[in-house]
């Protein structure tokens, strides 16, 4: 693996301080505040550390309370809320400078077979290889970071003005065959490109100096396991924006069209008349 990918894996490898207390390092992605996906992924890793391995996370629901500092570590306090016959529930509080910056609940379930099963269909889009070969997609990466994005042109099906499809993966080599790590990486990645879907109808760029945008809450439902070193499709839409807030939803699929996860997020979307100083 490249140094950048190793650093990301290390970011999700938390230091245990006590039985239910953990510390995670931080990374600076150039945002005004700590990237929300970092606390999502680390909080899920902290919760998972207190749960038997045969129980897998199936949902995570969190609220962002204060902007995090990307230059300081984050401490995670896990509350062992419930250990039931089929489900386990954990509550995690992320702390910086003695104050909570984020909290979430996470639920875990032992996989079981059931004849009741269905999923929504993956959008019909070109493969990543076709897009790269033909130059049909905008290819984007963060400098020094293993995340890689391929933005497809156009809308999903023409019903909403705020729709987007993109392929994403963590490049830089083969990740370990560690299913919990890939789940935590999925939580980390689920915050990328979601809320900004709500900016598409207005043609506002995320980098606009007059824009103030920040996640308020985030929900993730994990349906199936996937590898995060292979391409996954993120289909997002924003059904509503108003009152300085916006709502976005997403579905994540693997190459074979299997629905891996679903997401939802509301965030602050405030456009000022003058650049923010």
Protein backbone atom coordinates (compact mmCIF):
# COMPACT_ATOMS: atom_id res chain seq x y z
CA UNK A 1 0.00 0.00 0.00
CA UNK A 2 1.06 3.60 -0.58
CA UNK A 3 1.90 5.85 2.36
CA UNK A 4 -1.38 7.74 1.89
CA UNK A 5 -3.45 4.56 2.09
CA UNK A 6 -1.47 3.31 5.08
CA UNK A 7 -2.08 6.61 6.85
CA UNK A 8 -5.82 6.29 6.27
CA UNK A 9 -5.85 2.75 7.67
CA UNK A 10 -3.85 3.95 10.69
CA UNK A 11 -6.38 6.76 11.19
CA UNK A 12 -9.07 4.15 11.88
CA UNK A 13 -6.82 2.12 14.17
CA UNK A 14 -7.74 3.74 17.49
CA UNK A 15 -5.64 3.79 20.63
CA UNK A 16 -7.51 2.17 23.57
CA UNK A 17 -7.25 4.32 26.71
CA UNK A 18 -9.74 2.43 28.87
CA UNK A 19 -12.28 -0.33 28.24
CA UNK A 20 -14.73 2.05 26.57
CA UNK A 21 -12.46 5.03 25.90
CA UNK A 22 -10.41 5.46 22.71
CA UNK A 23 -8.26 8.09 21.02
CA UNK A 24 -7.95 8.70 17.29
CA UNK A 25 -5.54 10.92 15.39
CA UNK A 26 -6.78 13.56 12.94
CA UNK A 27 -6.02 14.58 9.38
CA UNK A 28 -6.22 17.93 7.62
CA UNK A 29 -7.94 17.70 4.22
CA UNK A 30 -7.88 21.45 3.68
CA UNK A 31 -11.44 22.03 4.88
CA UNK A 32 -12.26 24.86 7.35
CA UNK A 33 -12.96 22.19 9.98
CA UNK A 34 -12.32 18.52 10.66
CA UNK A 35 -13.74 16.30 7.90
CA UNK A 36 -16.98 14.80 9.22
CA UNK A 37 -16.30 11.39 7.72
CA UNK A 38 -13.29 11.03 10.00
CA UNK A 39 -15.38 11.14 13.17
CA UNK A 40 -18.03 8.93 11.56
CA UNK A 41 -15.49 6.24 10.71
CA UNK A 42 -13.59 6.51 13.98
CA UNK A 43 -16.78 6.52 16.06
CA UNK A 44 -17.94 3.33 14.32
CA UNK A 45 -14.51 1.78 14.93
CA UNK A 46 -14.73 2.70 18.62
CA UNK A 47 -18.22 1.22 18.95
CA UNK A 48 -17.18 -1.94 17.09
CA UNK A 49 -14.31 -2.46 19.53
CA UNK A 50 -16.85 -3.06 22.32
CA UNK A 51 -19.06 -5.50 20.37
CA UNK A 52 -18.54 -9.25 19.69
CA UNK A 53 -17.09 -9.82 16.22
CA UNK A 54 -20.01 -11.92 15.00
CA UNK A 55 -22.29 -8.86 15.24
CA UNK A 56 -21.93 -6.44 12.35
CA UNK A 57 -22.96 -2.76 12.27
CA UNK A 58 -26.15 -2.18 10.29
CA UNK A 59 -26.92 1.46 11.15
CA UNK A 60 -25.24 4.59 12.42
CA UNK A 61 -27.01 7.86 13.23
CA UNK A 62 -25.05 10.92 14.31
CA UNK A 63 -25.19 14.66 14.97
CA UNK A 64 -22.36 17.11 14.39
CA UNK A 65 -22.33 19.54 17.31
CA UNK A 66 -19.23 21.71 16.90
CA UNK A 67 -16.53 22.14 14.23
CA UNK A 68 -13.64 19.81 14.93
CA UNK A 69 -9.97 20.79 14.88
CA UNK A 70 -8.06 18.80 12.22
CA UNK A 71 -4.80 19.35 14.11
CA UNK A 72 -5.87 17.74 17.39
CA UNK A 73 -6.69 14.10 18.27
CA UNK A 74 -10.26 13.08 19.08
CA UNK A 75 -11.29 11.06 22.16
CA UNK A 76 -14.23 8.66 21.83
CA UNK A 77 -16.34 7.67 24.83
CA UNK A 78 -18.50 4.57 24.19
CA UNK A 79 -21.66 3.97 26.20
CA UNK A 80 -22.66 0.29 26.16
CA UNK A 81 -26.38 1.00 25.97
CA UNK A 82 -27.75 -2.47 25.24
CA UNK A 83 -26.65 -6.05 24.59
CA UNK A 84 -29.77 -7.88 23.45
CA UNK A 85 -30.48 -11.34 22.09
CA UNK A 86 -30.22 -10.19 18.46
CA UNK A 87 -29.08 -6.57 18.52
CA UNK A 88 -26.39 -4.56 20.28
CA UNK A 89 -26.60 -0.78 20.67
CA UNK A 90 -23.79 1.64 21.38
CA UNK A 91 -23.69 5.41 21.88
CA UNK A 92 -20.44 7.20 21.06
CA UNK A 93 -19.41 10.75 21.95
CA UNK A 94 -16.46 12.37 20.17
CA UNK A 95 -14.60 14.90 22.33
CA UNK A 96 -12.04 17.62 21.63
CA UNK A 97 -10.80 20.18 24.16
CA UNK A 98 -13.12 18.65 26.76
CA UNK A 99 -16.28 19.34 24.72
CA UNK A 100 -18.39 17.02 22.54
CA UNK A 101 -18.08 17.76 18.83
CA UNK A 102 -20.17 14.80 17.63
CA UNK A 103 -22.25 11.95 18.97
CA UNK A 104 -23.88 8.96 17.35
CA UNK A 105 -25.74 5.74 18.02
CA UNK A 106 -24.71 2.54 16.27
CA UNK A 107 -26.64 -0.72 16.11
CA UNK A 108 -25.16 -4.16 15.48
CA UNK A 109 -26.86 -7.38 14.37
CA UNK A 110 -25.77 -10.96 13.83
CA UNK A 111 -26.41 -11.74 10.12
CA UNK A 112 -29.27 -14.18 9.60
CA UNK A 113 -30.98 -15.64 6.51
CA UNK A 114 -34.50 -14.45 5.66
CA UNK A 115 -36.70 -14.88 2.56
CA UNK A 116 -37.86 -11.25 2.73
CA UNK A 117 -35.32 -9.48 0.52
CA UNK A 118 -35.30 -6.80 -2.19
CA UNK A 119 -33.33 -3.71 -3.22
CA UNK A 120 -33.62 -0.72 -5.54
CA UNK A 121 -31.88 -1.05 -8.89
CA UNK A 122 -28.50 0.52 -9.55
CA UNK A 123 -28.55 3.30 -12.17
CA UNK A 124 -27.38 2.20 -15.61
CA UNK A 125 -24.01 3.94 -15.90
CA UNK A 126 -20.71 3.22 -17.66
CA UNK A 127 -18.01 1.33 -15.77
CA UNK A 128 -15.09 3.27 -14.28
CA UNK A 129 -12.77 1.77 -16.87
CA UNK A 130 -15.00 2.96 -19.74
CA UNK A 131 -15.20 6.45 -18.28
CA UNK A 132 -11.43 6.69 -17.81
CA UNK A 133 -10.74 5.32 -21.29
CA UNK A 134 -13.16 7.70 -22.99
CA UNK A 135 -12.50 10.71 -20.76
CA UNK A 136 -16.24 11.06 -20.07
CA UNK A 137 -16.02 11.74 -16.34
CA UNK A 138 -14.36 14.37 -14.20
CA UNK A 139 -11.54 12.62 -12.32
CA UNK A 140 -10.77 14.13 -8.91
CA UNK A 141 -8.47 13.37 -5.97
CA UNK A 142 -7.41 15.12 -2.77
CA UNK A 143 -3.70 15.87 -2.80
CA UNK A 144 -1.85 13.28 -0.71
CA UNK A 145 -5.06 11.33 0.02
CA UNK A 146 -6.06 7.91 -1.39
CA UNK A 147 -9.69 8.85 -2.17
CA UNK A 148 -10.45 8.88 -5.89
CA UNK A 149 -13.66 10.13 -7.56
CA UNK A 150 -15.15 9.83 -11.04
CA UNK A 151 -18.08 12.23 -11.50
CA UNK A 152 -20.51 11.17 -14.24
CA UNK A 153 -22.04 13.91 -16.39
CA UNK A 154 -25.78 14.57 -16.28
CA UNK A 155 -28.58 13.56 -13.92
CA UNK A 156 -29.71 10.09 -12.90
CA UNK A 157 -33.13 9.99 -14.52
CA UNK A 158 -34.23 13.59 -15.10
CA UNK A 159 -36.82 13.69 -12.30
CA UNK A 160 -34.88 15.95 -9.95
CA UNK A 161 -32.52 18.85 -10.68
CA UNK A 162 -30.33 17.82 -7.72
CA UNK A 163 -29.03 14.36 -8.69
CA UNK A 164 -25.53 13.03 -9.18
CA UNK A 165 -23.71 9.76 -9.79
CA UNK A 166 -20.05 9.14 -9.08
CA UNK A 167 -17.68 6.21 -8.70
CA UNK A 168 -15.26 6.29 -5.77
CA UNK A 169 -12.58 4.12 -4.20
CA UNK A 170 -9.45 4.28 -2.07
CA UNK A 171 -6.52 3.88 -4.44
CA UNK A 172 -2.93 3.01 -3.68
CA UNK A 173 -2.84 -0.76 -3.36
CA UNK A 174 -4.79 -3.68 -1.92
CA UNK A 175 -6.32 -3.13 1.49
CA UNK A 176 -6.17 -5.90 4.11
CA UNK A 177 -8.84 -8.61 3.97
CA UNK A 178 -10.43 -7.17 7.11
CA UNK A 179 -14.22 -6.77 6.84
CA UNK A 180 -14.56 -4.44 9.90
CA UNK A 181 -11.91 -2.12 8.44
CA UNK A 182 -13.84 -1.86 5.16
CA UNK A 183 -17.06 -1.08 7.07
CA UNK A 184 -15.32 1.71 8.95
CA UNK A 185 -13.85 3.02 5.69
CA UNK A 186 -17.33 2.99 4.16
CA UNK A 187 -18.61 5.10 7.05
CA UNK A 188 -15.65 7.45 6.53
CA UNK A 189 -16.31 7.75 2.77
CA UNK A 190 -20.10 8.14 3.06
CA UNK A 191 -19.73 11.83 3.96
CA UNK A 192 -17.89 12.71 0.74
CA UNK A 193 -20.03 14.35 -2.00
CA UNK A 194 -23.38 13.86 -0.24
CA UNK A 195 -24.53 17.25 1.07
CA UNK A 196 -23.07 19.14 -1.90
CA UNK A 197 -25.67 17.46 -4.13
CA UNK A 198 -28.05 20.13 -2.83
CA UNK A 199 -25.93 22.86 -4.44
CA UNK A 200 -26.39 21.56 -7.99
CA UNK A 201 -29.68 23.35 -8.91
CA UNK A 202 -28.19 26.74 -7.98
CA UNK A 203 -24.86 26.06 -9.67
CA UNK A 204 -23.04 26.96 -6.45
CA UNK A 205 -19.57 25.48 -6.03
CA UNK A 206 -18.45 24.03 -2.71
CA UNK A 207 -15.43 26.35 -2.86
CA UNK A 208 -17.52 29.52 -3.25
CA UNK A 209 -16.16 32.00 -0.65
CA UNK A 210 -19.70 33.25 0.03
CA UNK A 211 -20.91 29.76 0.99
CA UNK A 212 -21.13 28.39 4.52
CA UNK A 213 -21.83 24.66 4.39
CA UNK A 214 -21.60 22.13 7.22
CA UNK A 215 -23.12 18.75 8.06
CA UNK A 216 -25.72 18.80 10.85
CA UNK A 217 -26.56 15.11 11.01
CA UNK A 218 -25.73 11.92 9.14
CA UNK A 219 -27.39 8.53 8.82
CA UNK A 220 -25.83 5.38 7.38
CA UNK A 221 -27.44 1.99 6.89
CA UNK A 222 -25.05 -0.84 6.00
CA UNK A 223 -26.71 -3.60 3.96
CA UNK A 224 -23.80 -5.65 2.59
CA UNK A 225 -20.04 -5.81 2.86
CA UNK A 226 -17.81 -4.38 0.13
CA UNK A 227 -14.18 -3.71 -0.57
CA UNK A 228 -13.24 -0.04 -0.47
CA UNK A 229 -10.18 -0.54 -2.70
CA UNK A 230 -12.51 -1.32 -5.63
CA UNK A 231 -14.88 1.12 -7.30
CA UNK A 232 -18.28 1.75 -5.70
CA UNK A 233 -21.07 3.82 -7.24
CA UNK A 234 -22.57 6.62 -5.11
CA UNK A 235 -25.98 7.74 -6.46
CA UNK A 236 -27.15 10.84 -4.58
CA UNK A 237 -30.08 13.22 -4.75
CA UNK A 238 -31.36 16.20 -2.80
CA UNK A 239 -35.18 16.27 -2.57
CA UNK A 240 -35.31 19.57 -0.68
CA UNK A 241 -33.38 22.68 0.33
CA UNK A 242 -34.63 25.81 2.06
CA UNK A 243 -34.31 27.96 5.16
CA UNK A 244 -30.48 27.71 5.00
CA UNK A 245 -30.64 23.90 5.22
CA UNK A 246 -30.54 21.12 2.68
CA UNK A 247 -31.37 17.41 2.70
CA UNK A 248 -29.48 14.80 0.68
CA UNK A 249 -29.86 11.03 0.24
CA UNK A 250 -27.61 8.40 -1.26
CA UNK A 251 -27.30 4.77 -2.32
CA UNK A 252 -23.95 3.00 -2.64
CA UNK A 253 -23.59 0.01 -5.00
CA UNK A 254 -20.76 -2.32 -5.95
CA UNK A 255 -19.85 -3.14 -9.55
CA UNK A 256 -22.35 -6.02 -9.68
CA UNK A 257 -25.25 -3.73 -8.71
CA UNK A 258 -25.54 -4.99 -5.13
CA UNK A 259 -26.81 -2.29 -2.78
CA UNK A 260 -24.07 -1.87 -0.17
CA UNK A 261 -25.39 1.03 1.91
CA UNK A 262 -27.92 3.87 2.09
CA UNK A 263 -27.30 7.34 3.49
CA UNK A 264 -29.13 10.53 4.42
CA UNK A 265 -27.82 13.87 5.63
CA UNK A 266 -29.10 17.32 6.49
CA UNK A 267 -26.74 20.26 6.59
CA UNK A 268 -26.35 24.00 6.81
CA UNK A 269 -26.29 25.64 3.36
CA UNK A 270 -26.07 29.39 3.83
CA UNK A 271 -25.12 31.67 0.93
CA UNK A 272 -23.97 35.15 1.98
CA UNK A 273 -23.94 38.31 -0.10
CA UNK A 274 -20.23 38.84 0.54
CA UNK A 275 -17.31 36.43 0.93
CA UNK A 276 -16.99 34.99 4.44
CA UNK A 277 -13.91 36.25 6.26
